[in-house]
Amino acid sequence: MNPLSPEEKRIVTVLYYAHKPLSTKAIAERSEMAWQTAKKYLERLYGKKLLRRGKYGKSIYWWLRV
């Protein structure tokens, strides 16, 4: 498996310390990156089977796969 990029590591860290699912917007804010950038890396992490996701209303929530 490919090593994680610095951006992916930031997102994983944010989710680890949140202890709950977070929306794409919340992850972008907490990891200090643009929403579009966060979404791109969240999709990559999901593709690497490191995250789970679920939809609530119009928002997509993400959490670490354990």
PDB file of N, CA and C in Angstrom:
ATOM      1  N   MET A   1       0.840  -1.187   0.000  1.00  0.00           N
ATOM      2  CA  MET A   1       0.000   0.000   0.000  1.00  0.00           C
ATOM      3  C   MET A   1       0.885   1.250   0.000  1.00  0.00           C
ATOM      4  N   ASN A   2       0.441   2.264  -0.706  1.00  0.00           N
ATOM      5  CA  ASN A   2       1.199   3.509  -0.781  1.00  0.00           C
ATOM      6  C   ASN A   2       1.217   4.212   0.569  1.00  0.00           C
ATOM      7  N   PRO A   3       2.341   4.857   0.897  1.00  0.00           N
ATOM      8  CA  PRO A   3       2.358   5.639   2.139  1.00  0.00           C
ATOM      9  C   PRO A   3       1.401   6.829   2.025  1.00  0.00           C
ATOM     10  N   LEU A   4       0.961   7.315   3.159  1.00  0.00           N
ATOM     11  CA  LEU A   4       0.029   8.441   3.165  1.00  0.00           C
ATOM     12  C   LEU A   4       0.749   9.750   2.886  1.00  0.00           C
ATOM     13  N   SER A   5       0.084  10.622   2.149  1.00  0.00           N
ATOM     14  CA  SER A   5       0.618  11.967   1.897  1.00  0.00           C
ATOM     15  C   SER A   5       0.459  12.791   3.176  1.00  0.00           C
ATOM     16  N   PRO A   6       1.156  13.920   3.282  1.00  0.00           N
ATOM     17  CA  PRO A   6       0.992  14.779   4.467  1.00  0.00           C
ATOM     18  C   PRO A   6      -0.467  15.214   4.666  1.00  0.00           C
ATOM     19  N   GLU A   7      -1.171  15.481   3.576  1.00  0.00           N
ATOM     20  CA  GLU A   7      -2.578  15.896   3.680  1.00  0.00           C
ATOM     21  C   GLU A   7      -3.442  14.757   4.211  1.00  0.00           C
ATOM     22  N   GLU A   8      -3.183  13.556   3.738  1.00  0.00           N
ATOM     23  CA  GLU A   8      -3.941  12.398   4.218  1.00  0.00           C
ATOM     24  C   GLU A   8      -3.669  12.163   5.702  1.00  0.00           C
ATOM     25  N   LYS A   9      -2.427  12.325   6.113  1.00  0.00           N
ATOM     26  CA  LYS A   9      -2.080  12.156   7.530  1.00  0.00           C
ATOM     27  C   LYS A   9      -2.802  13.182   8.396  1.00  0.00           C
ATOM     28  N   ARG A  10      -2.903  14.434   7.901  1.00  0.00           N
ATOM     29  CA  ARG A  10      -3.622  15.470   8.659  1.00  0.00           C
ATOM     30  C   ARG A  10      -5.076  15.086   8.844  1.00  0.00           C
ATOM     31  N   ILE A  11      -5.702  14.582   7.792  1.00  0.00           N
ATOM     32  CA  ILE A  11      -7.110  14.190   7.865  1.00  0.00           C
ATOM     33  C   ILE A  11      -7.298  13.024   8.828  1.00  0.00           C
ATOM     34  N   VAL A  12      -6.437  12.016   8.745  1.00  0.00           N
ATOM     35  CA  VAL A  12      -6.537  10.868   9.645  1.00  0.00           C
ATOM     36  C   VAL A  12      -6.378  11.325  11.095  1.00  0.00           C
ATOM     37  N   THR A  13      -5.453  12.226  11.347  1.00  0.00           N
ATOM     38  CA  THR A  13      -5.236  12.748  12.698  1.00  0.00           C
ATOM     39  C   THR A  13      -6.473  13.485  13.198  1.00  0.00           C
ATOM     40  N   VAL A  14      -7.062  14.326  12.357  1.00  0.00           N
ATOM     41  CA  VAL A  14      -8.275  15.064  12.726  1.00  0.00           C
ATOM     42  C   VAL A  14      -9.387  14.081  13.108  1.00  0.00           C
ATOM     43  N   LEU A  15      -9.584  13.065  12.298  1.00  0.00           N
ATOM     44  CA  LEU A  15     -10.638  12.089  12.577  1.00  0.00           C
ATOM     45  C   LEU A  15     -10.333  11.258  13.819  1.00  0.00           C
ATOM     46  N   TYR A  16      -9.083  10.928  14.026  1.00  0.00           N
ATOM     47  CA  TYR A  16      -8.696  10.149  15.201  1.00  0.00           C
ATOM     48  C   TYR A  16      -9.040  10.898  16.488  1.00  0.00           C
ATOM     49  N   TYR A  17      -8.692  12.178  16.534  1.00  0.00           N
ATOM     50  CA  TYR A  17      -8.923  12.953  17.752  1.00  0.00           C
ATOM     51  C   TYR A  17     -10.365  13.445  17.898  1.00  0.00           C
ATOM     52  N   ALA A  18     -11.147  13.390  16.839  1.00  0.00           N
ATOM     53  CA  ALA A  18     -12.551  13.823  16.920  1.00  0.00           C
ATOM     54  C   ALA A  18     -13.401  12.804  17.687  1.00  0.00           C
ATOM     55  N   HIS A  19     -13.055  11.531  17.614  1.00  0.00           N
ATOM     56  CA  HIS A  19     -13.809  10.460  18.276  1.00  0.00           C
ATOM     57  C   HIS A  19     -15.264  10.380  17.835  1.00  0.00           C
ATOM     58  N   LYS A  20     -15.573  10.909  16.656  1.00  0.00           N
ATOM     59  CA  LYS A  20     -16.935  10.838  16.124  1.00  0.00           C
ATOM     60  C   LYS A  20     -16.876  11.126  14.629  1.00  0.00           C
ATOM     61  N   PRO A  21     -17.896  10.749  13.891  1.00  0.00           N
ATOM     62  CA  PRO A  21     -17.918  11.083  12.457  1.00  0.00           C
ATOM     63  C   PRO A  21     -17.975  12.597  12.261  1.00  0.00           C
ATOM     64  N   LEU A  22     -17.291  13.070  11.230  1.00  0.00           N
ATOM     65  CA  LEU A  22     -17.277  14.499  10.916  1.00  0.00           C
ATOM     66  C   LEU A  22     -17.687  14.707   9.463  1.00  0.00           C
ATOM     67  N   SER A  23     -18.305  15.859   9.211  1.00  0.00           N
ATOM     68  CA  SER A  23     -18.675  16.208   7.840  1.00  0.00           C
ATOM     69  C   SER A  23     -17.431  16.637   7.074  1.00  0.00           C
ATOM     70  N   THR A  24     -17.553  16.630   5.755  1.00  0.00           N
ATOM     71  CA  THR A  24     -16.445  17.075   4.903  1.00  0.00           C
ATOM     72  C   THR A  24     -16.040  18.492   5.282  1.00  0.00           C
ATOM     73  N   LYS A  25     -17.022  19.356   5.515  1.00  0.00           N
ATOM     74  CA  LYS A  25     -16.748  20.760   5.874  1.00  0.00           C
ATOM     75  C   LYS A  25     -15.975  20.847   7.191  1.00  0.00           C
ATOM     76  N   ALA A  26     -16.411  20.090   8.199  1.00  0.00           N
ATOM     77  CA  ALA A  26     -15.733  20.119   9.501  1.00  0.00           C
ATOM     78  C   ALA A  26     -14.294  19.611   9.385  1.00  0.00           C
ATOM     79  N   ILE A  27     -14.096  18.570   8.593  1.00  0.00           N
ATOM     80  CA  ILE A  27     -12.740  18.030   8.399  1.00  0.00           C
ATOM     81  C   ILE A  27     -11.873  19.062   7.692  1.00  0.00           C
ATOM     82  N   ALA A  28     -12.413  19.722   6.676  1.00  0.00           N
ATOM     83  CA  ALA A  28     -11.660  20.749   5.953  1.00  0.00           C
ATOM     84  C   ALA A  28     -11.245  21.871   6.899  1.00  0.00           C
ATOM     85  N   GLU A  29     -12.178  22.321   7.736  1.00  0.00           N
ATOM     86  CA  GLU A  29     -11.864  23.404   8.671  1.00  0.00           C
ATOM     87  C   GLU A  29     -10.808  22.978   9.684  1.00  0.00           C
ATOM     88  N   ARG A  30     -10.981  21.805  10.273  1.00  0.00           N
ATOM     89  CA  ARG A  30     -10.043  21.339  11.304  1.00  0.00           C
ATOM     90  C   ARG A  30      -8.664  21.007  10.744  1.00  0.00           C
ATOM     91  N   SER A  31      -8.598  20.607   9.493  1.00  0.00           N
ATOM     92  CA  SER A  31      -7.291  20.282   8.896  1.00  0.00           C
ATOM     93  C   SER A  31      -6.707  21.467   8.122  1.00  0.00           C
ATOM     94  N   GLU A  32      -7.422  22.598   8.163  1.00  0.00           N
ATOM     95  CA  GLU A  32      -6.965  23.852   7.543  1.00  0.00           C
ATOM     96  C   GLU A  32      -6.664  23.682   6.059  1.00  0.00           C
ATOM     97  N   MET A  33      -7.645  23.136   5.343  1.00  0.00           N
ATOM     98  CA  MET A  33      -7.516  23.033   3.893  1.00  0.00           C
ATOM     99  C   MET A  33      -8.858  23.381   3.260  1.00  0.00           C
ATOM    100  N   ALA A  34      -8.825  23.699   1.987  1.00  0.00           N
ATOM    101  CA  ALA A  34     -10.050  24.031   1.263  1.00  0.00           C
ATOM    102  C   ALA A  34     -10.967  22.802   1.218  1.00  0.00           C
ATOM    103  N   TRP A  35     -12.281  23.046   1.141  1.00  0.00           N
ATOM    104  CA  TRP A  35     -13.259  21.969   1.115  1.00  0.00           C
ATOM    105  C   TRP A  35     -12.971  20.989  -0.025  1.00  0.00           C
ATOM    106  N   GLN A  36     -12.681  21.537  -1.215  1.00  0.00           N
ATOM    107  CA  GLN A  36     -12.428  20.684  -2.379  1.00  0.00           C
ATOM    108  C   GLN A  36     -11.196  19.803  -2.174  1.00  0.00           C
ATOM    109  N   THR A  37     -10.173  20.374  -1.559  1.00  0.00           N
ATOM    110  CA  THR A  37      -8.945  19.623  -1.286  1.00  0.00           C
ATOM    111  C   THR A  37      -9.227  18.506  -0.292  1.00  0.00           C
ATOM    112  N   ALA A  38      -9.946  18.835   0.770  1.00  0.00           N
ATOM    113  CA  ALA A  38     -10.289  17.821   1.773  1.00  0.00           C
ATOM    114  C   ALA A  38     -11.092  16.695   1.135  1.00  0.00           C
ATOM    115  N   LYS A  39     -12.054  17.039   0.300  1.00  0.00           N
ATOM    116  CA  LYS A  39     -12.897  16.029  -0.358  1.00  0.00           C
ATOM    117  C   LYS A  39     -12.043  15.087  -1.210  1.00  0.00           C
ATOM    118  N   LYS A  40     -11.085  15.659  -1.929  1.00  0.00           N
ATOM    119  CA  LYS A  40     -10.201  14.849  -2.779  1.00  0.00           C
ATOM    120  C   LYS A  40      -9.440  13.815  -1.943  1.00  0.00           C
ATOM    121  N   TYR A  41      -8.867  14.262  -0.832  1.00  0.00           N
ATOM    122  CA  TYR A  41      -8.085  13.349   0.003  1.00  0.00           C
ATOM    123  C   TYR A  41      -8.973  12.386   0.784  1.00  0.00           C
ATOM    124  N   LEU A  42     -10.171  12.818   1.164  1.00  0.00           N
ATOM    125  CA  LEU A  42     -11.109  11.904   1.814  1.00  0.00           C
ATOM    126  C   LEU A  42     -11.496  10.766   0.875  1.00  0.00           C
ATOM    127  N   GLU A  43     -11.731  11.105  -0.386  1.00  0.00           N
ATOM    128  CA  GLU A  43     -12.064  10.075  -1.378  1.00  0.00           C
ATOM    129  C   GLU A  43     -10.894   9.108  -1.556  1.00  0.00           C
ATOM    130  N   ARG A  44      -9.675   9.623  -1.557  1.00  0.00           N
ATOM    131  CA  ARG A  44      -8.488   8.764  -1.685  1.00  0.00           C
ATOM    132  C   ARG A  44      -8.378   7.812  -0.499  1.00  0.00           C
ATOM    133  N   LEU A  45      -8.570   8.362   0.720  1.00  0.00           N
ATOM    134  CA  LEU A  45      -8.496   7.537   1.921  1.00  0.00           C
ATOM    135  C   LEU A  45      -9.603   6.486   1.930  1.00  0.00           C
ATOM    136  N   TYR A  46     -10.778   6.857   1.441  1.00  0.00           N
ATOM    137  CA  TYR A  46     -11.890   5.912   1.334  1.00  0.00           C
ATOM    138  C   TYR A  46     -11.524   4.799   0.344  1.00  0.00           C
ATOM    139  N   GLY A  47     -10.897   5.174  -0.756  1.00  0.00           N
ATOM    140  CA  GLY A  47     -10.456   4.194  -1.738  1.00  0.00           C
ATOM    141  C   GLY A  47      -9.396   3.242  -1.201  1.00  0.00           C
ATOM    142  N   LYS A  48      -8.593   3.737  -0.264  1.00  0.00           N
ATOM    143  CA  LYS A  48      -7.567   2.903   0.378  1.00  0.00           C
ATOM    144  C   LYS A  48      -8.160   2.078   1.517  1.00  0.00           C
ATOM    145  N   LYS A  49      -9.472   2.141   1.701  1.00  0.00           N
ATOM    146  CA  LYS A  49     -10.195   1.394   2.733  1.00  0.00           C
ATOM    147  C   LYS A  49      -9.802   1.808   4.154  1.00  0.00           C
ATOM    148  N   LEU A  50      -9.423   3.086   4.332  1.00  0.00           N
ATOM    149  CA  LEU A  50      -9.081   3.573   5.663  1.00  0.00           C
ATOM    150  C   LEU A  50     -10.250   4.294   6.324  1.00  0.00           C
ATOM    151  N   LEU A  51     -11.232   4.707   5.529  1.00  0.00           N
ATOM    152  CA  LEU A  51     -12.376   5.450   6.064  1.00  0.00           C
ATOM    153  C   LEU A  51     -13.687   4.777   5.695  1.00  0.00           C
ATOM    154  N   ARG A  52     -14.695   5.111   6.487  1.00  0.00           N
ATOM    155  CA  ARG A  52     -16.078   4.782   6.157  1.00  0.00           C
ATOM    156  C   ARG A  52     -16.797   6.109   5.951  1.00  0.00           C
ATOM    157  N   ARG A  53     -17.937   6.050   5.257  1.00  0.00           N
ATOM    158  CA  ARG A  53     -18.694   7.287   5.053  1.00  0.00           C
ATOM    159  C   ARG A  53     -20.184   6.980   5.064  1.00  0.00           C
ATOM    160  N   GLY A  54     -20.929   7.996   5.424  1.00  0.00           N
ATOM    161  CA  GLY A  54     -22.377   7.884   5.430  1.00  0.00           C
ATOM    162  C   GLY A  54     -22.983   9.241   5.157  1.00  0.00           C
ATOM    163  N   LYS A  55     -24.183   9.241   4.591  1.00  0.00           N
ATOM    164  CA  LYS A  55     -24.832  10.500   4.247  1.00  0.00           C
ATOM    165  C   LYS A  55     -25.909  10.811   5.276  1.00  0.00           C
ATOM    166  N   TYR A  56     -25.937  12.047   5.719  1.00  0.00           N
ATOM    167  CA  TYR A  56     -26.964  12.512   6.634  1.00  0.00           C
ATOM    168  C   TYR A  56     -27.448  13.846   6.099  1.00  0.00           C
ATOM    169  N   GLY A  57     -28.668  13.883   5.608  1.00  0.00           N
ATOM    170  CA  GLY A  57     -29.146  15.096   4.945  1.00  0.00           C
ATOM    171  C   GLY A  57     -28.343  15.302   3.679  1.00  0.00           C
ATOM    172  N   LYS A  58     -27.829  16.504   3.507  1.00  0.00           N
ATOM    173  CA  LYS A  58     -27.006  16.799   2.329  1.00  0.00           C
ATOM    174  C   LYS A  58     -25.520  16.593   2.584  1.00  0.00           C
ATOM    175  N   SER A  59     -25.155  16.320   3.824  1.00  0.00           N
ATOM    176  CA  SER A  59     -23.736  16.201   4.186  1.00  0.00           C
ATOM    177  C   SER A  59     -23.271  14.750   4.162  1.00  0.00           C
ATOM    178  N   ILE A  60     -22.002  14.588   3.832  1.00  0.00           N
ATOM    179  CA  ILE A  60     -21.363  13.278   3.925  1.00  0.00           C
ATOM    180  C   ILE A  60     -20.491  13.302   5.175  1.00  0.00           C
ATOM    181  N   TYR A  61     -20.654  12.281   6.008  1.00  0.00           N
ATOM    182  CA  TYR A  61     -19.861  12.166   7.230  1.00  0.00           C
ATOM    183  C   TYR A  61     -18.856  11.043   7.055  1.00  0.00           C
ATOM    184  N   TRP A  62     -17.686  11.254   7.633  1.00  0.00           N
ATOM    185  CA  TRP A  62     -16.556  10.337   7.491  1.00  0.00           C
ATOM    186  C   TRP A  62     -16.065   9.914   8.864  1.00  0.00           C
ATOM    187  N   TRP A  63     -15.605   8.666   8.974  1.00  0.00           N
ATOM    188  CA  TRP A  63     -14.991   8.199  10.219  1.00  0.00           C
ATOM    189  C   TRP A  63     -13.975   7.124   9.862  1.00  0.00           C
ATOM    190  N   LEU A  64     -13.078   6.892  10.822  1.00  0.00           N
ATOM    191  CA  LEU A  64     -12.005   5.915  10.591  1.00  0.00           C
ATOM    192  C   LEU A  64     -12.565   4.507  10.638  1.00  0.00           C
ATOM    193  N   ARG A  65     -12.065   3.675   9.767  1.00  0.00           N
ATOM    194  CA  ARG A  65     -12.414   2.252   9.755  1.00  0.00           C
ATOM    195  C   ARG A  65     -11.580   1.585  10.841  1.00  0.00           C
ATOM    196  N   VAL A  66     -12.220   0.851  11.739  1.00  0.00           N
ATOM    197  CA  VAL A  66     -11.465   0.183  12.806  1.00  0.00           C
ATOM    198  C   VAL A  66     -11.598  -1.317  12.748  1.00  0.00           C
TER     199      VAL A  66
END
